[in-house]
Amino acid sequence: MKAYITLEVWDKNGKLLKKHKEKCKSFLKNFAIALRSFICAFGGAAYPTVNLTDISGNTIQWPDDVSLHFGDFALACYRGEIDKGIVIGSGTTANTVDTYKLESILTSNLSVYSYSYTDIAVSDSTVSFKLQKKITNRGATINVNEVGLYARVEDNSGQEKIVCIARDVLSETIQVQQDQNLVAEYEIKITVG
């Protein structure tokens, strides 16, 4: 499995100002733990309960029981939610095995005008899909240094929690000035062979 992050900066007139693409290198411990839970359930058996760390640093038990359904682990964000799904930040500290959130998430004066995902694409031996979030900066210039994926999960008490499953510190700072748009995209690719 490979993943790529693409960031594009557009002016308010729709002119592309900058495009930056790099390999995603940092799926986090939460991702590996959740993936194991998905893989270990079989034949109608309950998903094994595991401990994840939410973005507040609290240990949560997930999933709650055999009633796990599609919405219990989702990268979706609702209209206007800047702090779920694909998220951006200004932090520059390298990840450790215990990283559980962005160092410094950016939310002030930012608005989401689109969040989407593509259908599965198959080309030769590669299967892929994309997640994309379009953000408008309504305030002062921001410096984007980190990008991540915040997933919604339902813990064993039925409460929605947010866990970070990926965080990358970018190889260069991406500046987004006032009234410019940032398109942040994750592409997930699996090559069969």
Protein backbone atom coordinates (compact mmCIF):
# COMPACT_ATOMS: atom_id res chain seq x y z
CA MET A 1 0.00 0.00 0.00
CA LYS A 2 1.21 3.48 -0.87
CA ALA A 3 -0.31 6.86 -0.18
CA TYR A 4 0.40 10.29 -1.61
CA ILE A 5 -0.43 13.77 -0.36
CA THR A 6 -1.05 16.57 -2.85
CA LEU A 7 -1.54 20.20 -1.85
CA GLU A 8 -2.58 22.86 -4.35
CA VAL A 9 -2.87 26.59 -3.67
CA TRP A 10 -5.32 28.52 -5.87
CA ASP A 11 -6.06 32.24 -6.00
CA LYS A 12 -9.63 33.53 -5.71
CA ASN A 13 -9.85 33.76 -9.51
CA GLY A 14 -9.14 30.05 -9.98
CA LYS A 15 -5.47 30.31 -10.98
CA LEU A 16 -3.19 27.51 -9.72
CA LEU A 17 -0.31 29.13 -7.79
CA LYS A 18 1.47 26.08 -6.35
CA LYS A 19 1.25 22.30 -6.49
CA HIS A 20 3.15 20.08 -4.06
CA LYS A 21 3.05 16.27 -4.00
CA GLU A 22 4.89 13.84 -1.76
CA LYS A 23 4.63 10.31 -0.48
CA CYS A 24 2.71 9.82 2.74
CA LYS A 25 5.16 8.20 5.12
CA SER A 26 3.34 8.19 8.42
CA PHE A 27 0.30 6.08 9.02
CA LEU A 28 0.21 6.00 12.81
CA LYS A 29 -0.16 3.38 15.53
CA ASN A 30 -3.93 4.05 15.71
CA PHE A 31 -4.22 2.99 12.06
CA ALA A 32 -2.33 -0.28 12.62
CA ILE A 33 -4.39 -1.12 15.72
CA ALA A 34 -7.73 -0.41 13.97
CA LEU A 35 -6.65 -2.36 10.88
CA ARG A 36 -5.80 -5.37 13.05
CA SER A 37 -9.27 -5.23 14.59
CA PHE A 38 -10.90 -5.21 11.12
CA ILE A 39 -8.75 -8.13 9.95
CA CYS A 40 -9.23 -10.28 13.05
CA ALA A 41 -13.06 -10.32 12.93
CA PHE A 42 -14.48 -13.22 10.96
CA GLY A 43 -17.58 -15.32 10.54
CA GLY A 44 -19.89 -12.90 12.31
CA ALA A 45 -17.63 -12.73 15.33
CA ALA A 46 -17.23 -9.46 17.18
CA TYR A 47 -14.41 -7.20 16.20
CA PRO A 48 -11.73 -7.53 18.88
CA THR A 49 -11.90 -4.55 21.23
CA VAL A 50 -8.71 -2.52 21.07
CA ASN A 51 -7.35 0.60 22.73
CA LEU A 52 -6.93 3.69 20.56
CA THR A 53 -5.68 7.12 21.62
CA ASP A 54 -8.01 10.00 20.76
CA ILE A 55 -6.75 13.48 19.84
CA SER A 56 -7.16 14.57 23.48
CA GLY A 57 -4.65 11.91 24.53
CA ASN A 58 -7.29 9.69 26.17
CA THR A 59 -7.30 5.92 25.74
CA ILE A 60 -10.61 4.74 24.30
CA GLN A 61 -11.91 1.24 23.71
CA TRP A 62 -13.09 0.53 20.18
CA PRO A 63 -15.25 -0.94 18.77
CA ASP A 64 -18.06 -1.25 21.24
CA ASP A 65 -19.46 -4.69 20.28
CA VAL A 66 -20.72 -6.80 17.35
CA SER A 67 -23.06 -3.98 16.35
CA LEU A 68 -20.17 -2.26 14.61
CA HIS A 69 -21.52 -0.57 11.53
CA PHE A 70 -20.00 1.44 8.69
CA GLY A 71 -20.25 4.80 10.45
CA ASP A 72 -18.29 3.66 13.51
CA PHE A 73 -14.98 4.41 11.78
CA ALA A 74 -15.14 7.11 9.14
CA LEU A 75 -12.95 9.77 7.57
CA ALA A 76 -16.01 11.77 6.56
CA CYS A 77 -16.52 15.33 7.66
CA TYR A 78 -19.76 17.25 7.53
CA ARG A 79 -20.07 20.52 5.66
CA GLY A 80 -17.97 23.15 7.35
CA GLU A 81 -15.95 20.83 9.62
CA ILE A 82 -12.34 21.90 9.27
CA ASP A 83 -11.15 19.64 12.12
CA LYS A 84 -12.17 16.20 10.77
CA GLY A 85 -11.26 14.10 7.74
CA ILE A 86 -8.19 15.63 6.09
CA VAL A 87 -6.68 18.16 8.50
CA ILE A 88 -3.82 20.65 8.20
CA GLY A 89 -1.47 22.16 10.74
CA SER A 90 1.60 24.28 11.29
CA GLY A 91 3.64 21.87 13.45
CA THR A 92 7.09 20.66 12.43
CA THR A 93 8.00 18.12 15.12
CA ALA A 94 8.77 14.65 13.78
CA ASN A 95 6.42 11.77 14.61
CA THR A 96 7.13 9.14 17.23
CA VAL A 97 5.41 5.78 17.60
CA ASP A 98 3.07 7.46 20.12
CA THR A 99 1.97 10.42 17.94
CA TYR A 100 -1.81 10.74 18.29
CA LYS A 101 -2.66 14.15 16.77
CA LEU A 102 -1.33 17.01 14.68
CA GLU A 103 1.08 19.16 16.63
CA SER A 104 -0.74 22.40 15.85
CA ILE A 105 -3.97 22.04 13.86
CA LEU A 106 -5.05 25.06 11.81
CA THR A 107 -8.74 25.97 12.06
CA SER A 108 -9.08 29.75 12.62
CA ASN A 109 -10.52 31.71 9.69
CA LEU A 110 -10.61 28.58 7.52
CA SER A 111 -13.73 27.24 5.86
CA VAL A 112 -14.39 24.00 4.02
CA TYR A 113 -16.17 24.42 0.71
CA SER A 114 -15.91 20.83 -0.46
CA TYR A 115 -15.04 17.37 0.87
CA SER A 116 -15.18 14.42 -1.48
CA TYR A 117 -13.83 11.01 -2.30
CA THR A 118 -13.56 9.19 -5.59
CA ASP A 119 -14.82 5.80 -6.61
CA ILE A 120 -12.34 2.94 -6.68
CA ALA A 121 -10.19 3.16 -9.83
CA VAL A 122 -8.53 0.10 -11.34
CA SER A 123 -5.66 0.51 -13.79
CA ASP A 124 -3.58 -2.51 -14.77
CA SER A 125 -2.59 -3.98 -11.40
CA THR A 126 -3.23 -0.84 -9.30
CA VAL A 127 -6.35 -0.11 -7.28
CA SER A 128 -6.72 3.42 -5.94
CA PHE A 129 -9.04 6.08 -4.53
CA LYS A 130 -8.71 9.69 -3.39
CA LEU A 131 -9.98 11.82 -0.52
CA GLN A 132 -10.04 15.58 -1.12
CA LYS A 133 -10.83 18.63 1.00
CA LYS A 134 -11.06 22.19 -0.36
CA ILE A 135 -10.38 24.94 2.16
CA THR A 136 -10.63 28.74 1.89
CA ASN A 137 -8.42 30.96 4.06
CA ARG A 138 -10.41 33.98 5.26
CA GLY A 139 -7.66 35.33 7.55
CA ALA A 140 -3.95 36.09 7.63
CA THR A 141 -1.40 33.96 5.76
CA ILE A 142 -1.03 30.44 7.15
CA ASN A 143 1.96 28.13 6.93
CA VAL A 144 0.98 24.51 6.37
CA ASN A 145 3.71 22.14 7.59
CA GLU A 146 1.72 19.04 8.54
CA VAL A 147 -1.20 17.12 7.08
CA GLY A 148 -3.17 14.30 8.65
CA LEU A 149 -6.28 12.15 8.70
CA TYR A 150 -8.71 12.46 11.62
CA ALA A 151 -11.27 9.64 11.77
CA ARG A 152 -14.53 9.55 13.71
CA VAL A 153 -14.97 6.48 15.89
CA GLU A 154 -17.63 5.44 18.36
CA ASP A 155 -16.15 4.22 21.63
CA ASN A 156 -17.60 1.47 23.83
CA SER A 157 -19.84 3.98 25.63
CA GLY A 158 -21.41 5.11 22.35
CA GLN A 159 -19.64 8.48 22.31
CA GLU A 160 -18.09 9.89 19.15
CA LYS A 161 -14.34 10.37 19.46
CA ILE A 162 -11.72 11.56 16.99
CA VAL A 163 -8.51 9.61 16.36
CA CYS A 164 -5.58 10.52 14.15
CA ILE A 165 -4.58 7.68 11.81
CA ALA A 166 -1.99 9.51 9.67
CA ARG A 167 0.24 12.57 10.11
CA ASP A 168 3.01 13.75 7.84
CA VAL A 169 5.39 16.64 8.33
CA LEU A 170 5.78 18.10 4.86
CA SER A 171 9.15 18.44 3.15
CA GLU A 172 8.41 22.15 2.57
CA THR A 173 6.11 24.81 3.99
CA ILE A 174 3.01 25.58 1.94
CA GLN A 175 1.84 29.18 2.38
CA VAL A 176 -1.81 30.05 1.89
CA GLN A 177 -2.62 33.75 1.88
CA GLN A 178 -5.90 35.45 2.68
CA ASP A 179 -8.72 34.57 0.22
CA GLN A 180 -6.68 31.79 -1.36
CA ASN A 181 -7.91 28.21 -1.56
CA LEU A 182 -6.04 25.09 -0.52
CA VAL A 183 -6.93 21.74 -2.04
CA ALA A 184 -5.59 18.92 0.16
CA GLU A 185 -5.75 15.39 -1.24
CA TYR A 186 -4.78 11.90 -0.11
CA GLU A 187 -4.45 9.19 -2.75
CA ILE A 188 -4.35 5.60 -1.53
CA LYS A 189 -2.88 3.02 -3.96
CA ILE A 190 -2.60 -0.73 -3.70
CA THR A 191 -0.63 -2.63 -6.32
CA VAL A 192 -1.52 -6.27 -6.84
CA GLY A 193 1.30 -8.49 -7.92
